[in-house]
Every structure is written in structure tokens, then in C-alpha cells.
Protein backbone atom coordinates (compact mmCIF):
# COMPACT_ATOMS: atom_id res chain seq x y z
CA MET A 1 16.61 14.62 22.99
CA ALA A 2 15.59 16.31 19.73
CA VAL A 3 16.57 19.95 19.24
CA VAL A 4 13.67 22.28 18.44
CA MET A 5 14.61 24.35 15.42
CA GLU A 6 13.75 28.05 15.52
CA THR A 7 13.37 30.56 12.72
CA LEU A 8 16.41 32.64 11.81
CA PRO A 9 16.64 36.16 13.30
CA GLY A 10 14.45 38.60 11.41
CA PHE A 11 12.37 35.89 9.72
CA ARG A 12 8.78 34.86 10.49
CA ASP A 13 6.63 31.77 10.51
CA PHE A 14 3.06 32.21 9.31
CA TYR A 15 0.66 29.88 11.06
CA PRO A 16 -2.75 29.61 9.35
CA THR A 17 -4.26 32.61 11.16
CA GLU A 18 -1.22 34.82 10.51
CA CYS A 19 -1.10 33.59 6.93
CA ALA A 20 -4.78 34.46 6.50
CA VAL A 21 -4.18 37.99 7.83
CA ARG A 22 -1.29 38.41 5.42
CA ASN A 23 -3.49 37.23 2.56
CA VAL A 24 -6.13 39.81 3.51
CA LEU A 25 -3.48 42.49 2.98
CA PHE A 26 -2.46 40.98 -0.35
CA THR A 27 -6.09 40.83 -1.48
CA ALA A 28 -6.67 44.46 -0.49
CA TRP A 29 -3.52 45.60 -2.31
CA ARG A 30 -4.52 43.74 -5.46
CA GLU A 31 -8.06 45.11 -5.33
CA VAL A 32 -6.84 48.70 -5.11
CA ALA A 33 -4.28 48.18 -7.88
CA HIS A 34 -6.97 46.76 -10.16
CA ARG A 35 -9.25 49.73 -9.43
CA PHE A 36 -6.51 51.96 -10.82
CA HIS A 37 -5.91 49.55 -13.73
CA PHE A 38 -2.38 48.50 -12.78
CA LEU A 39 -1.14 45.15 -14.08
CA GLU A 40 0.61 42.62 -11.87
CA PHE A 41 4.07 41.29 -12.70
CA ASP A 42 6.61 39.11 -10.94
CA SER A 43 10.36 38.49 -11.10
CA PRO A 44 12.89 36.02 -9.67
CA ILE A 45 13.70 36.12 -5.98
CA LEU A 46 17.39 35.70 -6.89
CA GLU A 47 19.06 38.30 -9.13
CA PRO A 48 22.60 39.15 -10.26
CA LEU A 49 24.37 41.08 -7.51
CA GLU A 50 25.40 43.71 -10.05
CA LEU A 51 21.77 44.70 -10.58
CA PHE A 52 21.61 46.06 -7.03
CA THR A 53 25.13 47.51 -6.79
CA GLU A 54 24.64 49.39 -10.07
CA LYS A 55 21.50 51.02 -8.65
CA SER A 56 22.57 51.70 -5.07
CA GLY A 57 26.38 51.54 -5.06
CA GLU A 58 28.83 49.03 -3.62
CA GLU A 59 27.84 49.92 -0.06
CA ILE A 60 24.54 48.07 -0.58
CA ARG A 61 26.48 44.78 -0.27
CA GLU A 62 26.45 45.15 3.53
CA GLN A 63 22.65 44.96 3.50
CA LEU A 64 22.30 41.99 1.14
CA PHE A 65 22.05 38.24 1.42
CA ALA A 66 24.69 37.88 -1.30
CA PHE A 67 26.76 34.87 -2.27
CA GLU A 68 28.41 33.07 -5.19
CA ASP A 69 26.35 30.28 -6.74
CA ARG A 70 27.71 26.97 -8.01
CA GLY A 71 28.20 28.48 -11.45
CA GLY A 72 30.51 31.12 -10.05
CA ARG A 73 27.94 33.89 -10.46
CA LYS A 74 27.64 36.61 -7.82
CA VAL A 75 23.98 36.75 -6.85
CA ALA A 76 21.73 38.18 -4.13
CA LEU A 77 18.26 37.71 -2.73
CA ARG A 78 16.33 40.78 -3.81
CA PRO A 79 16.24 43.58 -1.20
CA GLU A 80 13.69 45.49 -3.30
CA THR A 81 11.89 45.17 -6.63
CA THR A 82 12.69 48.42 -8.49
CA PRO A 83 15.90 47.08 -10.12
CA SER A 84 14.04 44.00 -11.36
CA LEU A 85 11.26 46.21 -12.72
CA VAL A 86 13.84 48.29 -14.59
CA ARG A 87 15.42 45.13 -16.01
CA LEU A 88 12.08 43.72 -17.19
CA ILE A 89 10.88 46.93 -18.81
CA GLY A 90 14.30 47.76 -20.24
CA THR A 91 14.36 44.44 -22.08
CA ARG A 92 11.11 45.24 -23.92
CA ALA A 93 10.98 49.02 -23.65
CA ALA A 94 10.26 49.60 -27.32
CA SER A 95 7.29 47.23 -27.50
CA LEU A 96 5.49 48.07 -24.25
CA LYS A 97 2.53 50.47 -24.40
CA LYS A 98 3.17 53.65 -22.42
CA PRO A 99 2.53 54.58 -19.75
CA ILE A 100 3.39 51.27 -18.11
CA LYS A 101 1.34 50.85 -14.91
CA TRP A 102 2.60 47.79 -13.05
CA PHE A 103 2.49 46.48 -9.50
CA ASN A 104 3.69 43.45 -7.62
CA ILE A 105 3.73 41.91 -4.15
CA THR A 106 7.08 40.36 -3.29
CA GLU A 107 9.06 38.94 -0.42
CA ASN A 108 12.30 40.88 -0.02
CA PHE A 109 15.41 40.31 2.08
CA ARG A 110 17.82 42.69 3.78
CA TYR A 111 20.64 41.70 6.08
CA GLU A 112 20.25 44.30 8.82
CA ARG A 113 19.60 44.33 12.53
CA PRO A 114 16.01 43.24 13.24
CA GLN A 115 14.02 45.82 15.20
CA LYS A 116 10.44 46.99 15.61
CA GLY A 117 8.96 47.53 12.17
CA ARG A 118 12.05 46.21 10.38
CA LEU A 119 12.85 42.56 9.70
CA ARG A 120 15.25 40.71 7.43
CA SER A 121 12.38 39.16 5.48
CA PHE A 122 9.33 41.24 4.61
CA TYR A 123 6.64 41.62 1.98
CA GLN A 124 6.19 44.77 -0.09
CA PHE A 125 3.49 46.21 -2.28
CA ASN A 126 5.33 47.94 -5.13
CA VAL A 127 3.54 50.23 -7.59
CA ASP A 128 5.16 52.09 -10.50
CA ILE A 129 4.27 54.21 -13.51
CA VAL A 130 6.90 54.21 -16.25
CA GLY A 131 6.91 56.32 -19.40
CA GLU A 132 4.93 59.28 -18.05
CA GLY A 133 6.79 62.45 -17.14
CA SER A 134 3.91 64.67 -16.02
CA PHE A 135 2.82 65.40 -12.44
CA SER A 136 -0.34 63.37 -13.10
CA ALA A 137 1.70 60.21 -12.54
CA GLU A 138 2.55 61.38 -9.01
CA ALA A 139 -1.10 62.27 -8.39
CA GLU A 140 -2.20 58.81 -9.52
CA LEU A 141 0.31 57.05 -7.27
CA ILE A 142 -0.42 59.19 -4.22
CA ALA A 143 -4.14 58.52 -4.71
CA LEU A 144 -3.46 54.78 -4.97
CA ALA A 145 -1.28 54.86 -1.86
CA ILE A 146 -4.04 56.56 0.13
CA GLU A 147 -6.62 54.02 -1.06
CA SER A 148 -4.26 51.18 -0.09
CA PHE A 149 -4.55 52.28 3.54
CA SER A 150 -8.18 53.38 3.41
CA ILE A 151 -9.38 49.99 2.19
CA LEU A 152 -8.09 48.49 5.45
CA GLY A 153 -10.03 50.96 7.62
CA LEU A 154 -7.33 53.60 8.13
CA GLY A 155 -8.37 57.23 7.66
CA ARG A 156 -7.16 60.81 8.06
CA GLN A 157 -6.98 60.35 11.82
CA HIS A 158 -4.45 57.56 11.28
CA PHE A 159 -2.15 58.71 8.46
CA TYR A 160 -1.24 61.54 6.10
CA ILE A 161 1.05 62.20 3.12
CA ARG A 162 4.25 64.23 3.51
CA LEU A 163 4.93 65.62 0.02
CA SER A 164 8.32 67.05 -0.84
CA ASP A 165 10.51 67.73 -3.88
CA ARG A 166 14.18 66.99 -4.39
CA GLN A 167 14.14 69.35 -7.38
CA ILE A 168 13.24 72.25 -5.08
CA TRP A 169 16.11 71.29 -2.81
CA ILE A 170 18.54 71.17 -5.73
CA LEU A 171 17.38 74.62 -6.91
CA TRP A 172 17.87 75.88 -3.35
CA LEU A 173 21.42 74.49 -3.26
CA GLN A 174 22.10 76.15 -6.59
CA ALA A 175 20.83 79.44 -5.16
CA LEU A 176 23.48 78.99 -2.45
CA GLY A 177 26.11 78.57 -5.17
CA ILE A 178 26.46 74.78 -4.79
CA GLU A 179 26.47 73.57 -8.40
CA GLU A 180 28.45 70.32 -8.37
CA SER A 181 26.19 67.26 -8.49
CA ARG A 182 28.36 65.25 -6.09
CA LEU A 183 28.11 67.96 -3.44
CA GLN A 184 24.37 68.32 -3.97
CA VAL A 185 23.78 64.60 -3.49
CA GLY A 186 25.96 64.57 -0.37
CA LEU A 187 24.09 67.48 1.19
CA LEU A 188 20.72 65.96 0.33
CA ASN A 189 21.79 62.83 2.18
CA VAL A 190 22.67 65.00 5.19
CA LEU A 191 19.28 66.72 5.03
CA ASP A 192 17.54 63.33 4.76
CA LYS A 193 19.00 62.37 8.17
CA TRP A 194 17.84 65.60 9.85
CA GLU A 195 15.21 63.97 12.05
CA ARG A 196 17.50 61.08 13.05
CA ARG A 197 20.77 62.87 13.88
CA GLU A 198 21.97 65.29 16.54
CA ARG A 199 22.74 68.86 15.45
CA GLU A 200 26.49 68.40 16.02
CA ASP A 201 26.52 65.34 13.77
CA LEU A 202 24.63 67.23 11.04
CA GLU A 203 27.20 70.02 11.20
CA LYS A 204 30.08 67.57 10.85
CA ASP A 205 28.42 65.81 7.91
CA ALA A 206 27.52 69.07 6.14
CA LEU A 207 31.07 70.42 6.47
CA ARG A 208 32.30 67.64 4.18
CA TYR A 209 30.37 69.15 1.27
CA LEU A 210 30.48 72.92 1.98
CA SER A 211 33.26 75.26 0.89
CA PRO A 212 35.78 76.25 3.59
CA THR A 213 34.41 79.80 3.60
CA ALA A 214 30.79 78.76 4.07
CA SER A 215 29.11 78.96 7.47
CA VAL A 216 27.66 75.58 8.36
CA GLN A 217 25.44 77.19 11.01
CA GLU A 218 23.97 79.60 8.45
CA PHE A 219 23.47 76.71 6.01
CA LEU A 220 21.54 74.69 8.58
CA ILE A 221 19.47 77.69 9.70
CA ARG A 222 18.42 78.39 6.10
CA ALA A 223 17.78 74.68 5.53
CA GLU A 224 15.56 74.59 8.61
CA GLN A 225 13.53 77.51 7.27
CA LEU A 226 12.92 75.62 4.02
CA ARG A 227 12.17 72.39 5.88
CA GLN A 228 9.51 74.16 7.94
CA SER A 229 7.82 75.76 4.93
CA ASN A 230 4.34 74.27 4.56
CA THR A 231 2.93 76.50 1.82
CA LEU A 232 4.16 77.36 -1.66
CA GLN A 233 4.33 81.01 -0.63
CA GLU A 234 6.69 80.17 2.24
CA ILE A 235 8.89 78.14 -0.12
CA ARG A 236 9.07 81.08 -2.51
CA GLY A 237 10.04 83.33 0.40
CA CYS A 238 13.02 81.10 1.22
CA PHE A 239 14.28 81.57 -2.35
CA ASP A 240 13.61 85.29 -2.41
CA ALA A 241 15.78 85.65 0.69
CA LEU A 242 18.70 84.24 -1.34
CA ASN A 243 18.16 86.76 -4.19
CA PRO A 244 18.55 84.18 -7.01
CA ASN A 245 19.43 85.22 -10.56
CA ASN A 246 16.68 85.54 -13.17
CA THR A 247 17.34 82.11 -14.69
CA LEU A 248 17.11 80.39 -11.33
CA LYS A 249 14.06 82.46 -10.33
CA ALA A 250 12.29 81.35 -13.52
CA ALA A 251 13.11 77.71 -12.75
CA VAL A 252 11.69 78.10 -9.23
CA ASP A 253 8.53 79.74 -10.59
CA GLN A 254 8.03 76.87 -13.03
CA ARG A 255 8.57 74.28 -10.34
CA LEU A 256 6.12 75.94 -7.96
CA LEU A 257 3.60 76.10 -10.81
CA THR A 258 3.93 72.32 -11.17
CA TRP A 259 3.49 71.98 -7.42
CA GLY A 260 0.25 73.93 -7.64
CA GLN A 261 -0.99 71.76 -10.48
CA LEU A 262 -0.21 68.56 -8.57
CA LEU A 263 -1.99 69.77 -5.43
CA GLU A 264 -4.97 70.89 -7.51
CA GLU A 265 -5.17 67.47 -9.19
CA LEU A 266 -5.08 65.71 -5.83
CA ASP A 267 -7.93 67.96 -4.68
CA ALA A 268 -9.91 67.08 -7.80
CA LEU A 269 -9.35 63.37 -7.06
CA GLN A 270 -10.65 64.04 -3.51
CA TYR A 271 -7.38 63.20 -1.76
CA GLY A 272 -6.05 66.71 -1.13
CA SER A 273 -6.99 66.66 2.56
CA PHE A 274 -4.50 63.83 3.15
CA VAL A 275 -1.55 65.77 1.71
CA ARG A 276 0.80 68.19 3.51
CA VAL A 277 3.56 70.24 1.92
CA ASP A 278 6.59 69.03 3.88
CA LEU A 279 10.11 69.63 2.58
CA GLY A 280 11.45 67.81 5.62
CA ILE A 281 11.12 64.69 3.48
CA VAL A 282 14.18 64.34 1.25
CA ARG A 283 14.58 60.55 0.83
CA GLY A 284 18.26 59.76 0.73
CA LEU A 285 18.40 57.50 -2.31
CA ALA A 286 20.32 59.44 -4.94
CA TYR A 287 18.24 58.19 -7.87
CA TYR A 288 15.18 60.25 -6.84
CA THR A 289 14.90 63.25 -9.18
CA GLY A 290 11.69 65.13 -8.37
CA PHE A 291 8.63 64.83 -6.16
CA VAL A 292 9.06 62.46 -3.23
CA PHE A 293 6.52 61.49 -0.60
CA GLU A 294 6.01 59.39 2.48
CA VAL A 295 2.87 58.04 4.09
CA PHE A 296 3.25 58.90 7.76
CA GLU A 297 1.43 57.73 10.86
CA ALA A 298 -0.56 60.62 12.32
CA ASP A 299 0.22 60.31 16.03
CA LEU A 300 2.99 62.13 17.91
CA ASN A 301 5.44 59.27 17.50
CA GLY A 302 4.49 58.75 13.87
CA ARG A 303 6.68 56.80 11.51
CA ALA A 304 6.89 56.25 7.80
CA LEU A 305 4.50 53.57 6.55
CA ALA A 306 5.27 53.87 2.82
CA GLY A 307 7.34 56.03 0.54
CA GLY A 308 8.42 56.72 -2.99
CA GLY A 309 8.98 59.34 -5.63
CA ARG A 310 10.15 60.12 -9.14
CA TYR A 311 13.29 58.43 -10.47
CA ASP A 312 13.67 59.60 -14.07
CA LEU A 313 17.38 58.74 -14.47
CA LEU A 314 17.45 55.13 -13.25
CA PHE A 315 16.31 53.48 -16.48
CA GLU A 316 19.00 55.15 -18.54
CA LYS A 317 21.63 54.30 -15.92
CA LEU A 318 20.76 50.60 -15.79
CA THR A 319 19.50 49.88 -19.32
CA GLY A 320 20.51 52.72 -21.61
CA HIS A 321 16.83 53.48 -22.31
CA ALA A 322 15.75 56.89 -20.98
CA LEU A 323 12.29 56.55 -19.44
CA PRO A 324 10.60 58.74 -16.84
CA ALA A 325 9.35 56.77 -13.85
CA VAL A 326 7.69 57.21 -10.48
CA GLY A 327 6.85 54.59 -7.87
CA PHE A 328 6.28 53.77 -4.22
CA ALA A 329 6.43 50.78 -1.90
CA MET A 330 4.78 49.83 1.36
CA GLY A 331 5.70 46.94 3.63
CA ASP A 332 3.60 44.48 5.57
CA VAL A 333 5.54 44.72 8.85
CA THR A 334 4.79 48.34 9.75
CA LEU A 335 1.31 48.10 8.25
CA LEU A 336 0.42 45.14 10.48
CA ASP A 337 1.78 47.02 13.50
CA VAL A 338 -0.45 50.03 12.76
CA LEU A 339 -3.54 47.91 12.10
CA GLN A 340 -2.97 46.15 15.42
CA LYS A 341 -2.43 49.46 17.22
CA TYR A 342 -5.80 50.79 16.06
CA HIS A 343 -7.60 47.45 16.50
CA LEU A 344 -8.13 47.13 12.75
CA LEU A 345 -6.57 43.74 12.17
CA PRO A 346 -9.00 41.61 10.16
CA LYS A 347 -10.95 39.09 12.18
CA ILE A 348 -10.03 35.71 10.76
CA THR A 349 -12.43 32.80 10.59
CA PHE A 350 -12.19 29.58 8.64
CA PRO A 351 -15.82 29.00 7.56
CA LEU A 352 -16.92 25.47 6.79
CA ASP A 353 -20.07 24.71 4.82
CA CYS A 354 -20.49 21.03 5.68
CA PHE A 355 -19.10 18.42 8.05
CA VAL A 356 -20.02 14.91 6.94
CA ILE A 357 -20.66 12.11 9.46
CA PHE A 358 -21.13 8.52 8.32
CA GLU A 359 -21.32 4.95 9.49
CA ASN A 360 -18.70 2.59 8.13
CA SER A 361 -21.34 0.97 5.91
CA THR A 362 -22.30 4.31 4.33
CA ARG A 363 -18.80 5.68 3.75
CA ARG A 364 -18.86 5.22 -0.04
CA GLN A 365 -22.16 7.11 -0.52
CA ALA A 366 -20.99 9.87 1.84
CA LEU A 367 -17.72 10.34 -0.05
CA GLN A 368 -19.57 10.45 -3.36
CA ASP A 369 -21.61 13.37 -2.03
CA VAL A 370 -18.48 15.02 -0.56
CA GLY A 371 -17.05 15.07 -4.08
CA ASN A 372 -20.25 16.53 -5.54
CA LEU A 373 -20.44 19.24 -2.89
CA ARG A 374 -16.79 20.23 -3.36
CA GLN A 375 -17.21 20.38 -7.13
CA ASN A 376 -19.90 22.99 -6.48
CA ASP A 377 -17.44 25.24 -4.60
CA LEU A 378 -18.57 24.22 -1.13
CA SER A 379 -16.11 23.59 1.69
CA VAL A 380 -16.55 20.11 3.12
CA THR A 381 -14.57 17.98 5.54
CA TYR A 382 -14.89 14.75 7.55
CA ILE A 383 -12.81 12.50 9.79
CA LEU A 384 -10.20 10.90 7.56
CA GLY A 385 -9.73 7.80 9.65
CA GLU A 386 -12.32 5.66 11.37
CA GLY A 387 -14.46 6.91 14.19
CA THR A 388 -17.80 6.32 15.82
CA VAL A 389 -20.71 8.57 14.94
CA SER A 390 -20.50 10.19 18.39
CA LYS A 391 -16.78 10.86 17.95
CA GLN A 392 -17.42 12.35 14.53
CA PHE A 393 -20.21 14.55 15.89
CA LYS A 394 -17.96 15.87 18.66
CA LYS A 395 -15.32 16.73 16.09
CA ALA A 396 -17.94 18.39 13.86
CA LEU A 397 -18.96 20.79 16.63
CA GLU A 398 -15.33 21.91 16.99
CA TYR A 399 -15.40 23.13 13.36
CA ASN A 400 -18.74 24.97 13.75
CA PRO A 401 -19.94 24.24 10.19
CA ASN A 402 -23.10 25.60 8.65
CA PHE A 403 -24.41 22.06 8.19
CA ILE A 404 -23.73 18.61 9.60
CA LEU A 405 -24.71 15.83 7.20
CA PHE A 406 -25.52 12.42 8.69
CA TYR A 407 -25.27 9.31 6.49
CA ARG A 408 -27.16 6.52 8.25
CA SER A 409 -27.91 3.19 6.59
CA ASP A 410 -31.64 3.18 7.42
CA GLU A 411 -32.15 6.66 5.92
CA LEU A 412 -29.98 5.91 2.87
CA ARG A 413 -32.30 3.01 2.03
CA ASN A 414 -34.79 5.75 1.18
CA ASN A 415 -32.02 7.72 -0.54
CA GLN A 416 -32.13 10.40 2.16
CA VAL A 417 -29.54 12.32 4.20
CA GLN A 418 -30.19 13.98 7.53
CA VAL A 419 -29.11 17.64 7.41
CA LYS A 420 -28.63 19.52 10.67
CA HIS A 421 -28.48 23.33 10.42
CA VAL A 422 -26.05 24.11 13.24
CA SER A 423 -27.06 27.69 14.07
CA THR A 424 -30.83 27.00 14.18
CA HIS A 425 -30.56 23.37 15.39
CA SER A 426 -33.17 22.41 12.79
CA VAL A 427 -32.98 18.92 11.28
CA THR A 428 -34.26 18.03 7.80
CA LEU A 429 -34.28 14.89 5.70
CA ILE A 430 -33.12 15.72 2.15
CA GLU A 431 -33.09 13.44 -0.88
CA ARG A 432 -29.51 12.93 -2.03
CA GLU A 433 -30.10 14.28 -5.54
CA LYS A 434 -31.40 17.54 -3.99
CA LEU A 435 -28.62 17.88 -1.40
CA VAL A 436 -26.24 20.00 -3.46
CA ASN A 437 -28.95 22.48 -4.46
CA PHE A 438 -30.22 22.69 -0.87
CA VAL A 439 -26.81 23.54 0.59
CA CYS A 440 -25.82 25.80 -2.34
CA ASN A 441 -29.04 27.82 -2.10
CA TYR A 442 -28.55 28.39 1.60
CA THR A 443 -24.88 29.30 1.19
CA ALA A 444 -25.64 31.76 -1.62
CA GLY A 445 -28.35 33.37 0.53
CA SER A 446 -25.99 33.70 3.48
CA LYS A 447 -23.37 35.41 1.33
CA ARG A 448 -25.95 37.90 0.04
CA GLU A 449 -26.90 38.74 3.62
């Protein structure tokens, strides 16, 4: 007895309907990217392992489909696209017009435990601006992210933007006297896990990076106050409570000024109502250097649907070329879950313009017209093997075409084809040379309607 093969854990099959839904997402993503004048690029699915370990550290190996190829090279299936983007731009950094506004849609792979909203194979919409250091790049990307959800029918009742700033957090750590970069990164990683860890675990993790004389409870209380700040005035108050020196105070003032400019620009672009000041978002990846944001589902059990931020140091680290950059990514798995939850999944149909029915003696003439119709961008099908006219007609009704074309020998003697309009049940005899125009005119009219 033959064994039925199943897909590997965390991987998916896409039957035609599922594939069509996925393609609707891809089409929507491309449409929004083109509205914002982003250019599409692509890169290999297989990259040198070092490209990912250089960006994320050796610990990333545990999450990769990594192996040694027949040439002895250590390689990995891409878990994300940012390193490939950096490699591509770094190779031609001097010749590319700035700012570089690129996007792509890729299949990525991560070897982790499959769970709701997280698979080992998934598609991502990746959007980046490289070579622009001003807050306007963040505004442009946040606007594009919002449109990427809106185009699929999701609105303010479904999602919002949590906007934060790792630079504010670093200034806050400096105000606490924590200057060493290694300690800052470690504590930011602790803060990033705040919503996913118990208080006792946070205390244990934070103690690894605080001085022996520091109070971990006081640190977490002050951190909670900053996390809960949802206005620029409240953020400033958290710094004032620490009595920073004049240099640090000036840096905070400048950063809050930039915050105000970013929020004002988002208002001008008509997206301000989607955005919330939320320093609870830290994003644990160490390469983020400034504003970070997540698109979050709006219900009580909301989850992140997309995320990104500024990563100004990554290009220099990986390529030696210093370039400011900001980007975000959104995946198809959580997006499809949310669309299904709110009954917004696209309704998939497979429209057919014509089904052709013929007698054996008229097959050649019928196939000649099939070719002509298809060359005029019409969808046409017929029974590939032999079948009686009644069998063909039964099959035609299963496809629910706009037209059924009958090729009968007695009508073809007068160079005519019987055309049945399925929805109205009307039947017309059309001269063969006028058939293409007849069907095309109807189809064009239907599309306009």
C-alpha cells in the first residue's frame, strides 16, 4: 500500500484557492509599494551562513536551516531579507541614487517550533529606505505600513501603530549612569521581553547588567513609568525625575523635538490617528538604533502584525559603507489569520469567459477559434479528450462560464457559431469572423460594470 506523503512540520501546501488568496496579498503589497514609488528587488533563497551570523550573532544558527553544500560552503536558507538587502546595496553603494526605496516579497525559513501565527516557512513583505537619515523616512514607512493593511479592508478598529524609540531608552539608561554599550544592549533585551516574562524572571535578567549597588526593583519601577508614558510631556517627566546633566538634558530635548516633528508629519500625511506613543515597544534586535514601531492588532488579545525601525549601523558593520537605513516587514501568516478573524479574506473565483463545445467533425474549426480568443486575452477551455456534446455541456455548466460556444456541423456550413450567454440563457448565432469582437465587447463591458 502506497504511503501518503505529508508536508513537513511548519510548511504549507497552497491549493489553487489558497494560492489565489496568497496572490491577492502579493498584489495588494505591490500596489501599495508602487504608490509610494518603491522599486522591487529579489535575492537568492540560499545565502552564505556568515551573512546571517554577522548580523544577528552565532546564536541565530539555532533558528536556521543551515548546512554545508557540496562545495564545502556553509550556507543557510534565508530567515529574513535585510542581510541580503545590505549585501546588494553595499556592492553598488556608490552608484545607487539615494535615497534607495526598495521592497520585496520573499519566502523565508526559520527552524523553530511551529505555533499559531508562526511557521517554519512564511512569506514576508519587506520595505526599506536606505541613505536617508531624517525622520521623514520613518514617516514614509509608517504611512506605507498603514496603507498595506488598509488596502485589504482593515481600519483603525482593527489595528494601530505602537511607536517607540531605542534612542530614548539609551538616553534614559545613561541618565541612570549606565554608559557601557554592552550593558545597554543587555538591558534593552530585558525590557523587550517585559510583556512575555514574569516579574521575577525580569529581575533575574536585569541583575546581570546592573551594578551590585543598584536596586533592581527601583530600576524596574522607573522603567515601568517610562513604558507607560504615552505623551512627550510624560516622557520628559521621567527624565526630569532623574535630574540629568545639562548635556544629557539637551540630547533629550533634541530627541523629543524630532519626535514632535515625526508625529506632525504623520498627521500631515493623514495617518496620525493610527499612531500611539508607546515606549513599551523596544524590539530586541541590537542593530536597531532609533525609532522602532510595531503594527498591533487592536483587540484585547492583540498581537504584533508587522514591525521595524531604524538600523543606521548595520551597513557599516556588514559592508564597511556607512548608510542610514530604516525598514519594516510583515508576514502572510498572521495577516491571513487577522483577515479571517474579521471576515475579510478575499472571495476567490476563477472566472471563465468561454467554454467551447464541439462535435468531432468540427474540432479543428473550434480549436482555431479557441486560439484566436486566447490571443485576445480571453480565458477559454474545453474537454481535452473526446466526449459527447451532452457530456461537454454538463462539464461546461460546472465551470459557470460567461459564454458556451457550440460548434455544430450544420451551423458551421453557414460559418456560424451558436453562443449561449449563461447568466441570461439567451442564445445567438454569430458569424465566426465576428466572434472575437462579440465576446471581447461583452467582457470589456462587464469589467467596466
